[in-house]
């Protein structure tokens, strides 16, 4: 169940950030737009890859990478807000999705690790 929600949210995050990067490039901001585009789409890609992990440890590793990338995406969003490339409403909307993803990832990682110890 959580993985399906994670997949949906991570796709939503990627699409919203890709739309944002278009706007940023129109403003001639390429440094952060490139970085946030990579980190947000990496969240989605790693969650997708985790479903076909070779082992539970591989599954956990992919989710942990997604968690790191979600945290990075949030930091880029904060920089964009503080440098006035995005408004507060845009920041809050995208960061809310990012925060929800992190919460779900942390829960999924904890569950997967506890099942790994049971074996």
Protein backbone atom coordinates (compact mmCIF):
# COMPACT_ATOMS: atom_id res chain seq x y z
CA UNK A 1 0.00 0.00 0.00
CA UNK A 2 2.70 2.50 0.99
CA UNK A 3 4.70 1.70 -2.14
CA UNK A 4 1.73 2.53 -4.37
CA UNK A 5 1.24 5.83 -2.56
CA UNK A 6 4.99 6.42 -2.79
CA UNK A 7 4.90 5.78 -6.53
CA UNK A 8 2.03 8.20 -7.03
CA UNK A 9 3.55 10.93 -4.88
CA UNK A 10 7.01 10.57 -6.37
CA UNK A 11 5.58 10.87 -9.89
CA UNK A 12 3.61 13.94 -8.79
CA UNK A 13 6.80 15.44 -7.30
CA UNK A 14 8.76 14.77 -10.49
CA UNK A 15 6.11 16.28 -12.76
CA UNK A 16 5.70 19.36 -10.56
CA UNK A 17 9.45 19.91 -10.38
CA UNK A 18 9.90 19.40 -14.13
CA UNK A 19 7.24 22.07 -14.72
CA UNK A 20 9.05 24.30 -12.27
CA UNK A 21 12.37 23.78 -14.06
CA UNK A 22 10.77 25.03 -17.30
CA UNK A 23 9.75 28.21 -15.52
CA UNK A 24 13.19 28.60 -13.97
CA UNK A 25 14.94 28.20 -17.30
CA UNK A 26 12.68 30.87 -18.76
CA UNK A 27 14.05 33.13 -16.00
CA UNK A 28 17.58 32.06 -17.04
CA UNK A 29 18.17 30.12 -13.82
CA UNK A 30 19.90 26.91 -14.81
CA UNK A 31 22.15 25.89 -11.92
CA UNK A 32 19.49 25.07 -9.34
CA UNK A 33 16.93 24.04 -11.96
CA UNK A 34 19.30 21.34 -13.20
CA UNK A 35 20.02 20.14 -9.66
CA UNK A 36 16.41 20.04 -8.47
CA UNK A 37 15.33 18.34 -11.69
CA UNK A 38 17.86 15.58 -11.12
CA UNK A 39 17.12 15.06 -7.45
CA UNK A 40 13.31 15.04 -7.82
CA UNK A 41 13.31 12.63 -10.73
CA UNK A 42 15.79 10.43 -8.88
CA UNK A 43 13.27 10.05 -6.04
CA UNK A 44 10.75 8.63 -8.51
CA UNK A 45 13.29 6.45 -10.30
CA UNK A 46 14.68 4.89 -7.11
CA UNK A 47 11.23 4.14 -5.73
CA UNK A 48 10.39 2.44 -9.04
CA UNK A 49 13.68 0.50 -9.01
CA UNK A 50 13.12 -0.65 -5.42
CA UNK A 51 10.15 -2.76 -6.52
CA UNK A 52 12.48 -5.00 -8.51
CA UNK A 53 15.36 -5.13 -6.06
CA UNK A 54 17.50 -8.27 -6.12
CA UNK A 55 17.07 -8.69 -2.38
CA UNK A 56 15.49 -7.03 0.63
CA UNK A 57 18.82 -5.26 1.22
CA UNK A 58 18.75 -3.93 -2.36
CA UNK A 59 15.14 -2.82 -1.84
CA UNK A 60 16.16 -0.94 1.31
CA UNK A 61 19.18 0.62 -0.40
CA UNK A 62 17.00 2.03 -3.21
CA UNK A 63 14.53 3.48 -0.70
CA UNK A 64 17.40 5.03 1.27
CA UNK A 65 18.71 6.68 -1.90
CA UNK A 66 15.20 7.99 -2.64
CA UNK A 67 15.07 9.41 0.91
CA UNK A 68 18.38 11.24 0.43
CA UNK A 69 17.23 12.61 -2.91
CA UNK A 70 13.91 13.79 -1.41
CA UNK A 71 15.85 15.61 1.30
CA UNK A 72 18.07 17.20 -1.35
CA UNK A 73 15.03 18.26 -3.38
CA UNK A 74 13.61 19.96 -0.31
CA UNK A 75 16.86 21.86 0.21
CA UNK A 76 16.87 23.09 -3.41
CA UNK A 77 13.28 24.25 -2.96
CA UNK A 78 14.30 26.20 0.12
CA UNK A 79 17.14 27.85 -1.83
CA UNK A 80 14.74 28.78 -4.62
CA UNK A 81 12.38 30.35 -2.09
CA UNK A 82 15.13 32.28 -0.31
CA UNK A 83 16.59 33.51 -3.61
CA UNK A 84 13.08 34.61 -4.67
CA UNK A 85 12.87 32.40 -7.76
CA UNK A 86 9.66 30.85 -6.40
CA UNK A 87 6.92 32.19 -4.18
CA UNK A 88 5.94 30.77 -0.82
CA UNK A 89 2.80 29.06 -2.15
CA UNK A 90 4.82 27.14 -4.76
CA UNK A 91 7.42 26.23 -2.17
CA UNK A 92 4.83 24.97 0.33
CA UNK A 93 2.91 22.94 -2.25
CA UNK A 94 5.93 21.10 -3.64
CA UNK A 95 7.68 20.75 -0.29
CA UNK A 96 4.53 19.25 1.27
CA UNK A 97 4.68 16.44 -1.30
CA UNK A 98 8.40 16.03 -0.62
CA UNK A 99 7.82 15.85 3.15
CA UNK A 100 5.06 13.28 2.76
CA UNK A 101 7.35 11.16 0.61
CA UNK A 102 10.09 11.34 3.25
CA UNK A 103 7.67 10.26 6.00
CA UNK A 104 6.47 7.29 3.94
CA UNK A 105 10.01 6.34 2.97
CA UNK A 106 11.20 6.39 6.58
CA UNK A 107 8.29 4.15 7.61
CA UNK A 108 8.90 1.77 4.69
CA UNK A 109 12.63 1.56 5.42
CA UNK A 110 11.99 0.82 9.11
CA UNK A 111 9.50 -1.90 8.23
CA UNK A 112 11.81 -3.47 5.65
CA UNK A 113 14.76 -3.41 8.05
CA UNK A 114 12.72 -5.05 10.81
CA UNK A 115 11.68 -7.83 8.42
CA UNK A 116 15.31 -8.25 7.39
CA UNK A 117 16.28 -8.84 11.04
CA UNK A 118 13.52 -11.42 11.46
CA UNK A 119 15.09 -13.70 8.87
